[in-house]
Protein backbone atom coordinates (compact mmCIF):
# COMPACT_ATOMS: atom_id res chain seq x y z
CA MET A 1 0.15 3.07 5.82
CA ILE A 2 -3.18 5.65 5.43
CA PRO A 3 -3.05 7.60 1.91
CA LEU A 4 -3.90 11.03 1.62
CA PHE A 5 -4.83 12.97 -1.26
CA THR A 6 -4.87 16.24 -3.54
CA ASN A 7 -7.56 18.04 -4.82
CA GLU A 8 -7.15 17.06 -8.04
CA GLN A 9 -7.36 13.12 -7.48
CA VAL A 10 -10.72 13.53 -5.16
CA ARG A 11 -12.11 15.81 -8.18
CA ALA A 12 -11.36 13.39 -10.24
CA VAL A 13 -12.89 10.40 -8.52
CA ASP A 14 -16.26 12.89 -8.55
CA SER A 15 -16.05 13.67 -12.03
CA PHE A 16 -15.78 10.20 -13.06
CA ALA A 17 -18.87 8.72 -10.95
CA SER A 18 -21.08 11.59 -12.45
CA GLU A 19 -19.80 11.86 -15.90
CA GLN A 20 -18.53 8.23 -16.70
CA LEU A 21 -20.85 6.26 -14.93
CA ASN A 22 -23.94 8.78 -14.83
CA PHE A 23 -24.03 8.70 -10.69
CA PRO A 24 -26.77 11.56 -10.39
CA SER A 25 -24.54 14.36 -8.69
CA LEU A 26 -27.47 15.37 -6.30
CA LEU A 27 -27.63 11.77 -5.10
CA LEU A 28 -23.92 12.08 -4.26
CA MET A 29 -24.61 14.95 -2.28
CA GLU A 30 -27.65 13.53 -0.40
CA ASN A 31 -25.53 10.46 0.33
CA ALA A 32 -23.16 13.35 1.72
CA ALA A 33 -25.55 14.49 4.04
CA SER A 34 -26.76 11.26 5.30
CA SER A 35 -23.25 10.10 6.46
CA LEU A 36 -22.48 13.41 8.02
CA LEU A 37 -25.56 13.38 9.98
CA LYS A 38 -24.39 9.70 11.10
CA ILE A 39 -21.24 11.17 12.31
CA ILE A 40 -22.09 14.20 14.26
CA SER A 41 -24.34 12.01 16.04
CA GLU A 42 -22.07 9.43 16.60
CA LYS A 43 -19.24 11.80 17.91
CA GLY A 44 -22.32 13.33 20.28
CA PHE A 45 -22.73 16.72 19.24
CA LEU A 46 -26.50 15.96 18.85
CA ASN A 47 -27.02 14.21 22.32
CA SER A 48 -29.58 17.28 23.45
CA VAL A 49 -33.09 17.40 22.00
CA PRO A 50 -33.35 19.67 20.69
CA THR A 51 -29.79 20.94 19.46
CA THR A 52 -29.59 24.39 17.79
CA VAL A 53 -27.38 23.80 14.97
CA GLY A 54 -26.39 26.93 12.57
CA ILE A 55 -25.19 26.12 9.25
CA LEU A 56 -23.57 28.71 6.90
CA CYS A 57 -23.78 27.86 3.49
CA GLY A 58 -21.90 29.21 0.45
CA LYS A 59 -23.18 29.09 -3.54
CA GLY A 60 -21.15 25.87 -4.38
CA ASN A 61 -21.71 22.31 -3.50
CA ASN A 62 -20.14 22.68 -0.11
CA GLY A 63 -23.15 24.59 0.29
CA GLY A 64 -25.29 22.19 -1.26
CA ASP A 65 -24.42 19.71 1.55
CA GLY A 66 -25.20 22.29 4.11
CA PHE A 67 -28.52 22.62 2.60
CA ALA A 68 -28.87 18.92 2.41
CA LEU A 69 -27.56 18.59 6.16
CA ALA A 70 -30.10 21.22 7.54
CA ARG A 71 -32.92 19.54 6.27
CA LYS A 72 -31.82 16.15 7.65
CA ILE A 73 -30.76 17.74 11.21
CA ALA A 74 -34.48 19.33 11.28
CA PHE A 75 -36.17 16.25 10.51
CA ALA A 76 -34.07 14.78 13.46
CA GLY A 77 -35.83 17.14 15.61
CA HIS A 78 -33.64 19.85 16.30
CA LYS A 79 -33.32 23.39 15.46
CA VAL A 80 -31.44 24.71 12.44
CA ILE A 81 -30.72 28.39 11.46
CA VAL A 82 -29.30 28.67 7.86
CA LEU A 83 -27.22 31.43 6.62
CA HIS A 84 -26.33 31.85 3.18
CA LEU A 85 -24.03 34.46 1.72
CA SER A 86 -25.07 34.89 -1.99
CA ASP A 87 -28.68 34.81 -3.90
CA ALA A 88 -30.22 31.94 -4.81
CA ASN A 89 -29.69 33.01 -8.47
CA ASP A 90 -25.79 32.48 -7.86
CA PHE A 91 -25.86 28.89 -6.59
CA SER A 92 -24.88 25.87 -8.44
CA PRO A 93 -27.60 23.75 -9.62
CA ASP A 94 -27.09 21.12 -7.33
CA THR A 95 -26.77 23.53 -4.48
CA LYS A 96 -30.32 25.56 -5.69
CA LYS A 97 -32.14 22.36 -5.56
CA ASN A 98 -31.20 21.76 -2.63
CA PHE A 99 -32.17 25.02 -1.05
CA GLU A 100 -35.32 24.27 -2.91
CA LEU A 101 -36.09 21.11 -0.91
CA LEU A 102 -34.85 23.17 2.22
CA LEU A 103 -37.18 26.15 1.76
CA SER A 104 -40.31 23.73 0.85
CA SER A 105 -39.99 21.62 4.25
CA VAL A 106 -40.59 25.45 5.91
CA PRO A 107 -44.39 24.82 6.36
CA LEU A 108 -43.67 21.67 7.87
CA TYR A 109 -41.08 21.89 10.25
CA LYS A 110 -41.42 25.18 12.15
CA ASN A 111 -38.15 24.38 13.49
CA ILE A 112 -35.94 26.05 10.46
CA SER A 113 -34.66 29.18 9.73
CA VAL A 114 -33.47 30.65 6.23
CA LYS A 115 -31.97 34.22 5.90
CA LYS A 116 -29.27 35.50 3.87
CA ILE A 117 -26.88 37.50 5.50
CA THR A 118 -25.14 40.79 4.18
CA LYS A 119 -23.23 42.19 7.11
CA VAL A 120 -21.40 40.94 9.83
CA GLN A 121 -23.71 41.94 12.52
CA ASP A 122 -26.48 39.49 11.08
CA LEU A 123 -24.46 36.70 12.80
CA LYS A 124 -25.87 37.62 15.71
CA ILE A 125 -28.85 35.28 15.81
CA LEU A 126 -25.99 32.17 15.85
CA HIS A 127 -25.25 33.17 19.41
CA SER A 128 -28.12 30.94 20.55
CA CYS A 129 -26.36 28.34 18.47
CA ASP A 130 -24.76 24.79 20.32
CA ILE A 131 -23.29 23.88 16.99
CA ILE A 132 -21.74 25.96 13.79
CA VAL A 133 -21.52 24.19 10.78
CA ASP A 134 -19.47 25.42 8.09
CA ALA A 135 -20.44 24.64 4.77
CA LEU A 136 -19.22 27.56 2.79
CA LEU A 137 -16.51 26.53 0.51
CA GLY A 138 -14.77 23.37 0.97
CA SER A 139 -12.14 21.37 -0.66
CA GLY A 140 -12.14 23.37 -3.67
CA ALA A 141 -10.79 27.10 -2.54
CA THR A 142 -7.38 27.82 -2.63
CA GLY A 143 -6.80 31.07 -2.55
CA GLU A 144 -6.52 33.50 0.94
CA LEU A 145 -10.20 34.60 1.54
CA GLN A 146 -10.96 38.42 1.28
CA GLY A 147 -13.49 41.03 1.93
CA PHE A 148 -17.08 40.08 3.50
CA LEU A 149 -16.28 36.18 3.75
CA LYS A 150 -13.28 36.88 5.78
CA ASP A 151 -15.27 39.04 7.99
CA VAL A 152 -17.44 36.16 8.62
CA ILE A 153 -15.45 33.58 9.07
CA GLU A 154 -13.00 35.71 11.66
CA LYS A 155 -16.33 36.44 13.58
CA VAL A 156 -17.75 33.03 13.76
CA ASN A 157 -13.95 32.14 15.09
CA LEU A 158 -14.99 33.53 18.06
CA PHE A 159 -17.94 32.10 19.14
CA HIS A 160 -17.99 29.92 21.98
CA CYS A 161 -19.67 26.72 20.59
CA LYS A 162 -18.93 23.62 18.79
CA LYS A 163 -17.90 23.78 15.28
CA ILE A 164 -17.84 21.44 12.68
CA ALA A 165 -16.70 22.27 8.74
CA ILE A 166 -17.55 19.82 6.04
CA ASP A 167 -15.24 18.73 4.06
CA VAL A 168 -12.39 21.31 4.28
CA PRO A 169 -12.56 23.92 6.65
CA THR A 170 -13.40 27.18 4.82
CA GLY A 171 -10.03 29.19 4.46
CA LEU A 172 -7.69 26.02 4.23
CA ASN A 173 -5.62 25.02 0.93
CA ALA A 174 -6.72 21.26 1.20
CA ASP A 175 -3.31 20.68 -1.16
CA THR A 176 -0.64 23.04 0.81
CA GLY A 177 -2.18 22.92 4.37
CA SER A 178 -1.92 26.72 4.71
CA GLY A 179 -4.09 29.28 5.12
CA GLU A 180 -4.30 33.08 6.99
CA THR A 181 -7.78 33.12 8.13
CA ILE A 182 -9.26 29.57 8.69
CA PHE A 183 -12.52 28.32 10.01
CA LYS A 184 -11.49 26.95 13.37
CA SER A 185 -13.34 23.54 13.92
CA ASP A 186 -13.75 21.10 16.35
CA LEU A 187 -14.50 18.36 13.92
CA THR A 188 -13.88 18.22 10.18
CA ILE A 189 -15.63 15.68 8.16
CA THR A 190 -13.89 15.14 5.11
CA LEU A 191 -15.98 13.46 2.20
CA GLY A 192 -14.83 10.90 -0.26
CA GLU A 193 -11.00 10.51 0.66
CA LEU A 194 -8.70 12.07 3.35
CA LYS A 195 -7.17 14.94 1.99
CA ARG A 196 -3.67 15.69 2.63
CA GLY A 197 -3.77 19.37 3.74
CA LEU A 198 -6.17 18.74 6.72
CA PHE A 199 -3.22 16.87 8.43
CA PHE A 200 -0.30 18.92 8.86
CA GLY A 201 0.79 22.73 9.43
CA ASP A 202 -2.22 25.28 9.53
CA GLY A 203 -4.50 22.52 8.72
CA TYR A 204 -3.87 20.46 11.67
CA ALA A 205 -3.98 23.53 13.89
CA ALA A 206 -7.91 24.45 12.56
CA SER A 207 -9.12 21.08 11.39
CA GLY A 208 -9.47 19.33 14.97
CA VAL A 209 -10.97 16.00 15.24
CA VAL A 210 -10.83 14.75 11.35
CA GLU A 211 -13.46 11.99 10.20
CA LYS A 212 -14.06 10.79 6.84
CA GLY A 213 -17.44 10.91 5.30
CA SER A 214 -19.05 8.79 2.39
CA ILE A 215 -20.75 10.35 -1.04
CA GLY A 216 -21.73 6.34 -1.48
CA LEU A 217 -18.68 5.67 -3.83
CA GLY A 218 -16.80 3.30 -1.47
CA ASP A 219 -13.03 3.35 -1.05
CA LYS A 220 -12.67 1.04 -4.55
CA PHE A 221 -13.29 4.58 -6.85
CA PHE A 222 -9.68 5.56 -5.43
CA ALA A 223 -7.60 2.34 -5.89
CA GLY A 224 -6.54 4.02 -9.77
CA GLN A 225 -5.40 7.10 -7.74
CA ILE A 226 -1.88 6.61 -6.47
CA ALA A 227 -0.80 8.80 -3.56
CA GLU A 228 2.25 10.28 -2.46
CA ASP A 229 1.68 11.27 0.93
CA PHE A 230 0.72 9.22 4.04
CA LEU A 231 -0.58 9.21 7.64
CA ILE A 232 1.42 6.67 9.64
CA GLU A 233 -0.51 3.97 11.50
CA ARG A 234 -0.02 2.32 14.57
CA LYS A 235 0.26 -1.42 13.07
CA ASP A 236 3.40 0.06 10.75
CA VAL A 237 5.57 1.01 13.32
CA LYS A 238 4.84 -2.11 15.28
CA SER A 239 6.02 -4.16 12.44
CA PHE A 240 9.03 -1.83 11.60
CA ILE A 241 10.61 -2.70 14.93
CA PRO A 242 12.79 -5.98 15.56
CA LEU A 243 12.27 -8.56 18.00
CA LYS A 244 15.10 -8.84 20.49
CA GLU A 245 16.64 -11.93 19.91
CA LYS A 246 17.76 -13.94 23.12
CA ASN A 247 21.19 -14.37 21.77
CA LEU A 248 22.20 -10.59 21.13
CA HIS A 249 25.20 -9.13 22.89
CA LYS A 250 25.69 -5.60 23.34
CA TYR A 251 27.66 -5.24 20.29
CA THR A 252 24.81 -6.65 18.06
CA ALA A 253 22.17 -4.93 19.57
CA GLY A 254 23.14 -1.79 17.68
CA LYS A 255 26.47 0.59 17.85
CA VAL A 256 26.22 4.22 17.98
CA PHE A 257 28.13 7.20 18.36
CA LEU A 258 27.16 10.37 19.54
CA ILE A 259 28.74 13.65 18.69
CA ALA A 260 26.85 16.03 20.80
CA GLY A 261 27.33 18.78 23.28
CA SER A 262 29.98 21.18 24.37
CA LYS A 263 30.76 23.62 27.31
CA GLU A 264 27.60 25.80 26.70
CA TYR A 265 25.51 22.76 25.98
CA GLY A 266 26.50 19.80 27.77
CA GLY A 267 22.69 18.68 28.52
CA ALA A 268 22.32 18.08 24.96
CA ALA A 269 24.49 15.44 24.94
CA VAL A 270 23.13 13.77 28.00
CA LEU A 271 19.72 14.16 26.50
CA THR A 272 20.66 12.48 22.69
CA SER A 273 22.87 9.77 24.96
CA SER A 274 19.76 8.92 26.95
CA ALA A 275 17.50 8.48 24.32
CA ALA A 276 19.67 6.47 22.45
CA PHE A 277 20.16 3.83 24.94
CA LYS A 278 16.05 3.53 26.19
CA SER A 279 15.73 2.92 22.44
CA GLY A 280 17.36 -0.17 22.73
CA ALA A 281 20.91 0.29 21.13
CA GLY A 282 23.41 -2.08 23.02
CA ALA A 283 26.70 0.41 22.57
CA VAL A 284 26.58 3.73 22.86
CA ILE A 285 29.56 6.00 22.79
CA LEU A 286 29.29 9.53 23.10
CA ALA A 287 32.40 12.36 21.81
CA ILE A 288 32.57 15.37 24.20
CA PRO A 289 34.60 17.79 24.92
CA ASN A 290 37.28 17.08 27.84
CA SER A 291 35.76 20.15 29.70
CA LEU A 292 32.12 17.60 30.19
CA GLN A 293 34.13 14.71 31.78
CA LYS A 294 32.48 15.15 35.45
CA ILE A 295 29.58 16.24 33.96
CA LEU A 296 28.70 13.00 31.59
CA LEU A 297 29.90 10.57 34.28
CA GLN A 298 27.65 11.78 36.73
CA LYS A 299 24.40 11.86 34.70
CA ARG A 300 24.78 9.00 32.23
CA PRO A 301 27.26 5.95 33.31
CA GLU A 302 26.19 3.53 31.22
CA VAL A 303 27.43 5.67 28.15
CA VAL A 304 31.14 5.38 27.20
CA ASN A 305 32.78 8.64 26.55
CA LYS A 306 35.49 9.75 23.81
CA PHE A 307 37.05 13.04 24.94
CA TYR A 308 38.92 14.75 22.58
CA GLY A 309 41.15 17.66 23.02
CA ASP A 310 42.77 18.80 26.42
CA ARG A 311 40.71 19.77 29.86
CA ASN A 312 40.61 23.13 27.77
CA THR A 313 38.74 22.09 24.84
CA GLU A 314 35.30 23.45 24.55
CA TYR A 315 34.06 22.73 21.52
CA LEU A 316 34.62 20.45 17.97
CA SER A 317 36.78 21.54 15.57
CA ALA A 318 38.54 20.19 12.35
CA ALA A 319 41.64 18.59 14.58
CA SER A 320 38.87 16.79 16.39
CA TYR A 321 38.69 14.38 13.58
CA SER A 322 41.36 12.06 13.62
CA SER A 323 41.00 11.10 17.31
CA LEU A 324 37.23 10.16 16.45
CA LYS A 325 37.58 8.71 13.18
CA GLU A 326 38.10 5.16 14.82
CA LYS A 327 34.48 5.12 16.65
CA ILE A 328 33.10 6.70 13.45
CA LEU A 329 33.93 3.58 11.84
CA TRP A 330 32.81 1.44 14.25
CA ALA A 331 29.24 2.76 14.26
CA ASN A 332 26.16 1.13 12.92
CA ALA A 333 24.88 4.75 13.24
CA LEU A 334 25.83 8.53 14.11
CA ALA A 335 23.98 11.07 15.82
CA LEU A 336 25.78 14.67 15.02
CA GLY A 337 24.83 17.99 15.91
CA PRO A 338 22.92 18.57 19.05
CA GLY A 339 24.70 21.08 21.29
CA ILE A 340 27.83 21.16 19.55
CA GLY A 341 27.77 25.26 18.44
CA ARG A 342 28.22 27.08 15.48
CA HIS A 343 31.72 27.91 15.62
CA ASP A 344 33.48 28.22 12.71
CA GLU A 345 36.08 25.49 13.63
CA THR A 346 32.73 22.72 14.34
CA MET A 347 31.33 23.69 11.32
CA GLU A 348 34.53 22.56 9.64
CA PHE A 349 34.49 19.69 11.61
CA VAL A 350 30.92 18.66 10.52
CA ARG A 351 31.63 19.10 6.57
CA LEU A 352 34.76 17.04 6.99
CA LEU A 353 33.15 13.96 8.40
CA LEU A 354 30.44 14.13 6.03
CA LYS A 355 33.41 14.53 2.96
CA LYS A 356 35.49 11.42 4.60
CA HIS A 357 31.98 9.32 5.18
CA PRO A 358 29.38 9.79 2.80
CA ASP A 359 27.75 6.32 3.53
CA LYS A 360 27.45 6.26 7.01
CA LYS A 361 24.06 5.89 8.29
CA ILE A 362 23.72 9.78 10.41
CA SER A 363 21.47 11.64 11.77
CA ILE A 364 22.13 15.29 11.23
CA ASP A 365 20.30 17.86 13.70
CA ALA A 366 20.54 21.07 15.20
CA ASP A 367 23.43 22.86 15.07
CA ALA A 368 25.31 20.63 12.26
CA LEU A 369 22.66 21.63 10.31
CA TYR A 370 24.28 24.91 9.92
CA ALA A 371 27.23 23.55 8.17
CA LEU A 372 24.96 22.78 5.39
CA SER A 373 22.63 25.96 5.49
CA LYS A 374 22.67 28.26 2.43
CA LYS A 375 22.56 25.49 0.06
CA GLU A 376 25.91 24.25 1.33
CA TYR A 377 24.50 20.80 1.38
CA LYS A 378 24.83 20.45 -2.16
CA ASN A 379 28.53 19.71 -2.02
CA PHE A 380 28.00 16.47 0.13
CA GLN A 381 26.50 12.94 -0.77
CA LEU A 382 23.75 12.67 1.84
CA LYS A 383 21.84 9.71 0.69
CA ASN A 384 22.11 7.96 4.17
CA ALA A 385 21.81 10.80 5.76
CA VAL A 386 18.60 11.97 8.34
CA LEU A 387 18.19 15.74 8.46
CA THR A 388 16.00 16.84 11.45
CA PRO A 389 15.60 20.56 10.90
CA HIS A 390 12.59 22.53 12.54
CA LEU A 391 11.04 25.03 10.20
CA GLY A 392 13.07 28.08 10.35
CA GLU A 393 16.12 25.77 10.25
CA PHE A 394 15.08 24.20 7.01
CA ALA A 395 14.13 27.74 5.71
CA VAL A 396 17.90 28.70 6.44
CA LEU A 397 19.07 25.37 4.87
CA ILE A 398 17.52 25.59 1.60
CA ASP A 399 17.88 29.64 1.50
CA VAL A 400 14.01 30.47 0.69
CA GLU A 401 11.99 32.49 2.89
CA ARG A 402 10.47 31.22 5.80
CA GLY A 403 6.99 32.22 5.43
CA LEU A 404 7.05 31.05 1.91
CA VAL A 405 8.16 27.35 2.92
CA GLU A 406 5.17 27.45 5.53
CA LYS A 407 3.04 28.18 2.85
CA ASP A 408 3.88 24.84 0.83
CA LEU A 409 5.91 22.27 3.28
CA LEU A 410 5.39 19.53 0.90
CA PHE A 411 6.05 21.01 -2.25
CA TYR A 412 10.07 22.06 -1.18
CA GLY A 413 10.40 18.99 1.04
CA LYS A 414 9.85 16.55 -1.99
CA GLU A 415 12.21 18.92 -3.84
CA PHE A 416 14.90 18.51 -1.40
CA VAL A 417 14.87 14.68 -0.79
CA LYS A 418 14.62 14.45 -4.51
CA GLU A 419 17.80 16.70 -5.06
CA THR A 420 19.67 15.32 -2.17
CA LYS A 421 18.51 11.48 -1.73
CA SER A 422 18.67 11.94 1.87
CA ILE A 423 15.37 11.58 4.42
CA LEU A 424 14.28 15.00 6.08
CA VAL A 425 12.14 15.24 9.12
CA LEU A 426 10.47 18.69 9.15
CA LYS A 427 10.10 19.07 12.56
CA GLY A 428 6.58 20.90 13.60
CA PRO A 429 3.53 20.60 15.39
CA ARG A 430 3.13 17.60 12.79
CA THR A 431 6.01 16.28 11.97
CA ILE A 432 6.30 15.22 8.06
CA ILE A 433 8.90 12.30 6.85
CA PHE A 434 10.19 12.90 3.55
CA THR A 435 11.65 9.75 1.88
CA ALA A 436 14.32 9.82 -0.45
CA GLU A 437 11.45 9.26 -3.27
CA GLY A 438 9.80 11.94 -2.55
CA LYS A 439 6.72 10.91 -0.65
CA ALA A 440 5.55 12.65 2.54
CA VAL A 441 4.71 10.21 5.54
CA ILE A 442 3.02 12.50 8.53
CA ASN A 443 3.29 11.60 12.19
CA PRO A 444 0.10 11.57 13.63
CA THR A 445 1.48 11.62 17.61
CA GLY A 446 2.91 14.19 19.43
CA ASN A 447 1.55 17.43 21.12
CA GLU A 448 2.41 21.05 22.36
CA GLY A 449 4.03 19.60 25.18
CA LEU A 450 7.04 18.56 23.06
CA ALA A 451 7.57 22.65 21.98
CA LYS A 452 10.14 22.70 24.77
CA PHE A 453 14.15 22.76 25.09
CA GLY A 454 15.93 19.46 24.70
CA SER A 455 12.84 17.76 22.96
CA GLY A 456 14.71 17.88 19.57
CA ASP A 457 17.83 15.96 21.18
CA VAL A 458 16.14 13.17 22.50
CA LEU A 459 14.25 12.72 18.56
CA THR A 460 17.94 12.50 17.15
CA GLY A 461 19.33 10.19 19.81
CA MET A 462 16.19 7.75 19.21
CA ILE A 463 16.89 7.54 15.45
CA ALA A 464 20.14 7.45 15.46
CA SER A 465 19.69 4.22 17.85
CA PHE A 466 16.95 2.95 15.09
CA LEU A 467 18.90 3.61 12.01
CA ALA A 468 21.99 0.96 13.88
CA GLN A 469 18.81 -1.56 15.07
CA ILE A 470 16.91 -1.44 11.57
CA LYS A 471 18.57 -2.26 8.02
CA ASN A 472 15.86 0.04 6.39
CA VAL A 473 16.69 3.56 6.84
CA GLN A 474 13.15 4.93 6.51
CA ARG A 475 11.62 2.24 8.55
CA ALA A 476 14.08 3.40 11.07
CA VAL A 477 12.69 7.02 11.08
CA VAL A 478 9.06 6.47 10.84
CA SER A 479 9.57 4.34 14.25
CA ALA A 480 11.82 6.92 15.74
CA VAL A 481 9.46 9.72 14.92
CA TYR A 482 6.24 7.89 15.59
CA PHE A 483 7.52 6.55 19.16
CA HIS A 484 9.04 10.09 20.05
CA GLY A 485 5.70 11.85 19.89
CA LEU A 486 3.77 8.80 21.37
CA ALA A 487 6.18 9.08 24.33
CA ALA A 488 4.72 12.47 24.61
CA ASP A 489 1.26 12.07 24.19
CA GLN A 490 1.21 9.28 27.14
CA LEU A 491 3.34 12.01 29.40
CA LYS A 492 0.30 14.48 28.64
CA LYS A 493 -2.32 12.09 29.58
CA GLU A 494 -0.50 11.74 33.04
CA LYS A 495 0.91 15.43 33.54
CA SER A 496 -0.92 17.65 30.89
CA ALA A 497 1.14 19.30 28.33
CA TYR A 498 2.96 21.97 30.67
CA GLY A 499 4.05 19.47 32.83
CA PHE A 500 6.63 17.18 30.95
CA THR A 501 10.12 18.08 30.18
CA ALA A 502 12.61 16.19 27.46
CA SER A 503 14.42 14.03 29.62
CA GLU A 504 10.53 12.36 30.92
CA VAL A 505 10.12 11.91 27.08
CA ALA A 506 13.43 10.13 27.26
CA ASN A 507 12.69 8.10 30.16
CA GLN A 508 9.15 7.35 28.97
CA ILE A 509 10.33 5.70 25.83
CA PRO A 510 10.98 1.96 26.85
CA PHE A 511 7.17 2.17 28.10
CA THR A 512 5.95 3.11 25.09
CA LEU A 513 7.73 0.36 23.00
CA LYS A 514 6.50 -1.91 25.51
CA GLU A 515 2.75 -0.94 25.27
CA LEU A 516 3.34 -1.35 21.72
CA ASN A 517 5.73 -4.74 20.91
CA ASN A 518 5.38 -6.77 24.28
CA ALA A 519 8.09 -8.87 23.49
CA LEU A 520 10.29 -5.57 23.82
């Protein structure tokens, strides 16, 4: 897995290099500018000659990177328009030096324009730009943008050209991944090491493609920094999926018991069971009310159905437990929640099951989460549980205002798993898996096409299936989340984000698995 770092960790390495090893900070800035130019060129942003590049520079070292980059872009034959928001006397020492170097180049290179701006109207000069580069704040800023700087970012975001951010888009908190007004970038070149806030929440939406630039220190300088946050790599999940042994039979290939669906939400049962089978489980039994018999037999003939109640039964209740207990004990893993409804009697069933089977591997989703809401989860042992809420459900679960959770997802997620010893799958544009040890694992797959009814039901079925096949709970969850997103990515390429459904995601799973592991 790829380690992700906090601002504090990155600053510690920078300080060590400049203060302990006497690396000139101006040299690090020059190295950064060279790396920035190389990546921008390799990504095809400077294909046409001359390209007109606008660079917005702040007074700190991020602005210094911008001034140095401007000089190098101009030397490469492109037109550069540099706008700064502060007086030169307010620049940091290294930034001021690079500003002076840029000014000294103006007489020799007529393709450089440098100007201080004091009002939003001054930005009109950037309308001729093919690219706008953000070198205003970088990773050190944590508060929300205010005043003129906020107005500048809002205006620049309206410009129809390619945009590049140096280190971190202005307005984004690189630790929390949050921000209200953020520079919207097509490419973010983060310097030194990858910052965690670029990969989830507002950071994921604002950062575009993220590339790692170099300041000339090398990866060994970060060896002493212990990461708590990671990005999943393809090679990780490929090694997690077990090979199908030739002497398997259906009961050794993974036994899954799904408790999903009700009269109102029969489709949830279909999607969950379909995903469980298509993810490799050998024996899938589905608990459904008697009123759904005809629907399920028609849609999923390979699933064994365990009916509860009489023909008028429409949803779970505590009375249903006795008829389902045998299959709960039989299964290697359970899935509980999709489409079961939120009737008081159903919530009683959920709590009863969790009390009776605290050691069972179980994926808890959707309606079942509401049985644990308002901190009710504190009354249960959840060490083998995988909870899969989206942001709104998670806020209700921990009884914290949604806006507060959204501003610091990693903090609240880590606090929850440290308390419960469970695994939390916080679903979103970039789904985050929180391990029982308090680490955050960010999934790089998936797309906006998953924002449809039923996507979560498919994920729940996949998690239960992998829990039944893979002994290590964390590996099972990471694999399910990654493949779920990858299946959606493949469908997006084929049909666009508009054109695929949750059923198609389930149907795509075998092909996704085949691509990563030919043995499957």
